N, C-alpha and C. Protein backbone atom coordinates (compact mmCIF):
# COMPACT_ATOMS: atom_id res chain seq x y z
N UNK A 1 -73.53 129.59 -130.17
CA UNK A 1 -73.35 130.67 -129.21
C UNK A 1 -72.35 131.67 -129.61
N UNK A 2 -72.76 132.94 -129.30
CA UNK A 2 -71.84 134.02 -129.77
C UNK A 2 -71.37 134.72 -128.55
N UNK A 3 -70.35 135.20 -128.60
CA UNK A 3 -69.71 136.07 -127.53
C UNK A 3 -69.90 137.54 -127.74
N UNK A 4 -70.28 138.17 -126.73
CA UNK A 4 -70.54 139.56 -126.84
C UNK A 4 -69.62 140.30 -125.75
N UNK A 5 -69.22 141.47 -126.14
CA UNK A 5 -68.30 142.15 -125.18
C UNK A 5 -69.22 142.77 -124.16
N UNK A 6 -68.89 142.58 -122.95
CA UNK A 6 -69.64 143.13 -121.73
C UNK A 6 -69.57 144.73 -121.85
N UNK A 7 -70.59 145.36 -121.64
CA UNK A 7 -70.64 146.81 -121.57
C UNK A 7 -69.59 147.55 -120.58
N UNK A 8 -69.47 146.81 -119.54
CA UNK A 8 -68.47 147.29 -118.48
C UNK A 8 -67.03 147.19 -119.03
N UNK A 9 -66.82 146.41 -119.93
CA UNK A 9 -65.53 146.25 -120.58
C UNK A 9 -64.59 145.33 -119.89
N UNK A 10 -65.03 144.50 -118.99
CA UNK A 10 -64.20 143.68 -118.28
C UNK A 10 -63.93 142.28 -118.89
N UNK A 11 -65.09 141.76 -119.54
CA UNK A 11 -64.95 140.46 -120.07
C UNK A 11 -66.18 140.25 -121.04
N UNK A 12 -65.93 139.13 -121.78
CA UNK A 12 -66.84 138.66 -122.75
C UNK A 12 -67.98 137.82 -122.17
N UNK A 13 -69.16 137.97 -122.67
CA UNK A 13 -70.34 137.28 -122.08
C UNK A 13 -70.98 136.48 -123.21
N UNK A 14 -71.62 135.38 -122.93
CA UNK A 14 -72.35 134.63 -123.87
C UNK A 14 -73.58 135.41 -124.12
N UNK A 15 -74.00 135.49 -125.41
CA UNK A 15 -75.20 136.11 -125.87
C UNK A 15 -76.46 135.58 -125.16
N UNK A 16 -76.49 134.33 -124.92
CA UNK A 16 -77.56 133.61 -124.20
C UNK A 16 -77.80 134.29 -122.90
N UNK A 17 -76.66 134.51 -122.22
CA UNK A 17 -76.65 135.00 -120.82
C UNK A 17 -77.23 136.49 -120.89
N UNK A 18 -76.79 137.32 -121.90
CA UNK A 18 -77.36 138.70 -121.89
C UNK A 18 -78.84 138.64 -122.24
N UNK A 19 -79.23 137.67 -123.10
CA UNK A 19 -80.77 137.71 -123.41
C UNK A 19 -81.56 137.26 -122.22
N UNK A 20 -80.98 136.34 -121.35
CA UNK A 20 -81.62 135.94 -120.08
C UNK A 20 -81.64 137.27 -119.18
N UNK A 21 -80.74 138.15 -119.14
CA UNK A 21 -80.69 139.27 -118.31
C UNK A 21 -81.62 140.33 -118.75
N UNK A 22 -81.79 140.51 -120.13
CA UNK A 22 -82.70 141.46 -120.59
C UNK A 22 -84.12 140.96 -120.33
N UNK A 23 -84.33 139.73 -120.39
CA UNK A 23 -85.68 139.10 -120.12
C UNK A 23 -86.05 139.37 -118.72
N UNK A 24 -85.10 139.15 -117.81
CA UNK A 24 -85.26 139.42 -116.39
C UNK A 24 -85.58 140.78 -116.15
N UNK A 25 -84.87 141.74 -116.74
CA UNK A 25 -85.11 143.12 -116.52
C UNK A 25 -86.57 143.61 -116.96
N UNK A 26 -86.95 143.00 -118.21
CA UNK A 26 -88.19 143.30 -118.74
C UNK A 26 -89.25 142.77 -117.80
N UNK A 27 -89.16 141.62 -117.26
CA UNK A 27 -90.02 141.01 -116.30
C UNK A 27 -90.16 141.92 -115.01
N UNK A 28 -88.98 142.31 -114.52
CA UNK A 28 -89.01 143.17 -113.39
C UNK A 28 -89.85 144.50 -113.69
N UNK A 29 -89.63 145.03 -114.83
CA UNK A 29 -90.31 146.27 -115.11
C UNK A 29 -91.87 146.06 -115.28
N UNK A 30 -92.23 144.91 -115.87
CA UNK A 30 -93.59 144.59 -115.91
C UNK A 30 -94.18 144.42 -114.60
N UNK A 31 -93.52 143.83 -113.56
CA UNK A 31 -93.88 143.62 -112.29
C UNK A 31 -94.15 144.99 -111.57
N UNK A 32 -93.15 145.87 -111.90
CA UNK A 32 -93.11 147.27 -111.20
C UNK A 32 -94.57 147.94 -111.82
N UNK A 33 -94.70 147.91 -113.13
CA UNK A 33 -95.93 148.50 -113.68
C UNK A 33 -97.15 147.90 -113.09
N UNK A 34 -97.18 146.66 -112.89
CA UNK A 34 -98.44 146.08 -112.25
C UNK A 34 -98.65 146.51 -110.82
N UNK A 35 -97.48 146.66 -110.13
CA UNK A 35 -97.55 147.17 -108.83
C UNK A 35 -98.23 148.55 -108.74
N UNK A 36 -97.67 149.43 -109.62
CA UNK A 36 -98.23 150.83 -109.73
C UNK A 36 -99.64 150.88 -110.10
N UNK A 37 -99.97 150.00 -110.95
CA UNK A 37 -101.43 149.89 -111.34
C UNK A 37 -102.27 149.53 -110.17
N UNK A 38 -101.87 148.55 -109.41
CA UNK A 38 -102.62 148.09 -108.17
C UNK A 38 -102.80 149.25 -107.19
N UNK A 39 -101.67 149.82 -107.09
CA UNK A 39 -101.59 151.05 -106.09
C UNK A 39 -102.68 152.08 -106.53
N UNK A 40 -102.62 152.42 -107.81
CA UNK A 40 -103.46 153.41 -108.31
C UNK A 40 -104.88 152.96 -108.17
N UNK A 41 -105.22 151.61 -108.39
CA UNK A 41 -106.59 151.20 -108.37
C UNK A 41 -107.08 151.37 -106.80
N UNK A 42 -106.08 150.90 -105.92
CA UNK A 42 -106.47 150.93 -104.50
C UNK A 42 -106.76 152.45 -104.06
N UNK A 43 -106.02 153.37 -104.48
CA UNK A 43 -106.17 154.66 -104.30
C UNK A 43 -107.60 155.15 -104.71
N UNK A 44 -107.93 154.73 -105.98
CA UNK A 44 -109.21 155.13 -106.58
C UNK A 44 -110.32 154.60 -105.73
N UNK A 45 -110.08 153.36 -105.29
CA UNK A 45 -111.16 152.61 -104.49
C UNK A 45 -111.31 153.43 -103.09
N UNK A 46 -110.21 153.78 -102.48
CA UNK A 46 -110.30 154.46 -101.22
C UNK A 46 -111.00 155.83 -101.42
N UNK A 47 -110.69 156.58 -102.52
CA UNK A 47 -111.23 157.73 -102.83
C UNK A 47 -112.75 157.61 -102.98
N UNK A 48 -113.28 156.52 -103.68
CA UNK A 48 -114.64 156.26 -103.93
C UNK A 48 -115.35 156.04 -102.54
N UNK A 49 -114.62 155.23 -101.71
CA UNK A 49 -115.23 155.03 -100.39
C UNK A 49 -115.37 156.29 -99.51
N UNK A 50 -114.37 157.16 -99.63
CA UNK A 50 -114.42 158.37 -98.91
C UNK A 50 -115.60 159.25 -99.35
N UNK A 51 -115.75 159.24 -100.75
CA UNK A 51 -116.96 160.03 -101.23
C UNK A 51 -118.20 159.43 -100.83
N UNK A 52 -118.36 158.16 -100.82
CA UNK A 52 -119.52 157.53 -100.36
C UNK A 52 -119.84 157.82 -98.87
N UNK A 53 -118.76 157.73 -98.14
CA UNK A 53 -119.02 158.08 -96.65
C UNK A 53 -119.42 159.54 -96.39
N UNK A 54 -118.89 160.38 -97.24
CA UNK A 54 -119.25 161.82 -97.12
C UNK A 54 -120.61 161.98 -97.49
N UNK A 55 -121.13 161.27 -98.58
CA UNK A 55 -122.46 161.41 -99.07
C UNK A 55 -123.40 160.90 -97.96
N UNK A 56 -123.05 159.70 -97.39
CA UNK A 56 -123.89 159.15 -96.29
C UNK A 56 -124.03 160.16 -95.12
N UNK A 57 -122.87 160.77 -94.66
CA UNK A 57 -122.81 161.77 -93.68
C UNK A 57 -123.72 162.85 -93.90
N UNK A 58 -123.71 163.36 -95.18
CA UNK A 58 -124.62 164.49 -95.58
C UNK A 58 -126.04 164.14 -95.53
N UNK A 59 -126.38 162.85 -95.91
CA UNK A 59 -127.72 162.45 -95.98
C UNK A 59 -128.18 162.38 -94.42
N UNK A 60 -127.30 161.84 -93.53
CA UNK A 60 -127.67 161.75 -92.17
C UNK A 60 -127.89 163.18 -91.63
N UNK A 61 -127.13 164.09 -91.98
CA UNK A 61 -127.21 165.47 -91.47
C UNK A 61 -128.61 166.07 -91.97
N UNK A 62 -128.96 165.75 -93.20
CA UNK A 62 -130.12 166.35 -93.59
C UNK A 62 -131.33 165.64 -92.92
N UNK A 63 -131.30 164.35 -92.59
CA UNK A 63 -132.27 163.66 -91.89
C UNK A 63 -132.52 164.33 -90.69
N UNK A 64 -131.34 164.54 -89.91
CA UNK A 64 -131.28 165.09 -88.45
C UNK A 64 -132.05 166.51 -88.56
N UNK A 65 -131.64 167.31 -89.54
CA UNK A 65 -132.23 168.59 -89.66
C UNK A 65 -133.74 168.51 -89.90
N UNK A 66 -134.27 167.58 -90.77
CA UNK A 66 -135.61 167.37 -91.02
C UNK A 66 -136.39 167.04 -89.77
N UNK A 67 -135.72 166.07 -88.92
CA UNK A 67 -136.39 165.67 -87.71
C UNK A 67 -136.54 166.85 -86.70
N UNK A 68 -135.38 167.63 -86.62
CA UNK A 68 -135.43 168.83 -85.85
C UNK A 68 -136.49 169.77 -86.17
N UNK A 69 -136.77 169.93 -87.52
CA UNK A 69 -137.74 170.89 -87.96
C UNK A 69 -139.14 170.36 -87.71
N UNK A 70 -139.26 169.04 -87.79
CA UNK A 70 -140.50 168.31 -87.45
C UNK A 70 -140.85 168.52 -85.93
N UNK A 71 -139.79 168.40 -85.10
CA UNK A 71 -139.93 168.55 -83.72
C UNK A 71 -140.44 169.97 -83.42
N UNK A 72 -139.71 170.91 -84.05
CA UNK A 72 -140.08 172.33 -83.75
C UNK A 72 -141.64 172.54 -84.15
N UNK A 73 -142.00 171.92 -85.21
CA UNK A 73 -143.32 172.21 -85.72
C UNK A 73 -144.33 171.63 -84.65
N UNK A 74 -144.00 170.44 -84.27
CA UNK A 74 -144.87 169.81 -83.15
C UNK A 74 -144.92 170.67 -81.89
N UNK A 75 -143.77 171.19 -81.52
CA UNK A 75 -143.75 172.06 -80.37
C UNK A 75 -144.62 173.24 -80.57
N UNK A 76 -144.48 173.95 -81.69
CA UNK A 76 -145.36 175.08 -82.02
C UNK A 76 -146.78 174.77 -81.95
N UNK A 77 -147.19 173.65 -82.56
CA UNK A 77 -148.56 173.18 -82.44
C UNK A 77 -149.05 172.95 -81.08
N UNK A 78 -148.26 172.41 -80.16
CA UNK A 78 -148.47 172.10 -78.81
C UNK A 78 -148.62 173.56 -78.09
N UNK A 79 -147.70 174.36 -78.38
CA UNK A 79 -147.81 175.86 -77.85
C UNK A 79 -149.21 176.48 -78.18
N UNK A 80 -149.57 176.34 -79.48
CA UNK A 80 -150.70 176.94 -80.04
C UNK A 80 -151.94 176.41 -79.23
N UNK A 81 -151.92 175.11 -79.10
CA UNK A 81 -153.04 174.32 -78.38
C UNK A 81 -153.13 174.90 -76.91
N UNK A 82 -152.01 175.05 -76.21
CA UNK A 82 -151.96 175.50 -74.89
C UNK A 82 -152.53 176.80 -74.81
N UNK A 83 -152.28 177.79 -75.82
CA UNK A 83 -152.65 179.11 -75.65
C UNK A 83 -154.22 179.20 -75.82
N UNK A 84 -154.67 178.19 -76.66
CA UNK A 84 -156.21 178.25 -76.80
C UNK A 84 -156.87 177.78 -75.52
C-alpha cells in the first residue's frame, strides 16, 4: 500500500482508497450517461407516437372529407331525380 497526498492538502490517503473513489466516480458517470440515453430514447419514442397520431388524424380527416363528398354527390343525384 502506498500513501498519496490528498489534493485538498489536509492529509495522506491510501492509494487503494483513491482507486475506489475513482471507480465510484466512473460508475456514477456511466449511470448518468445511461440515464441520458434512456431519456433521449423516451423522447424519440414520444415524438414517433406524436407523428403517428398526427398521421392517423390526417387520415381520418381525409376519410371524413371523402364521405362528405360522397354525400353531396348522392344529394345532387337525388335533386336531379326530383327535377325529372
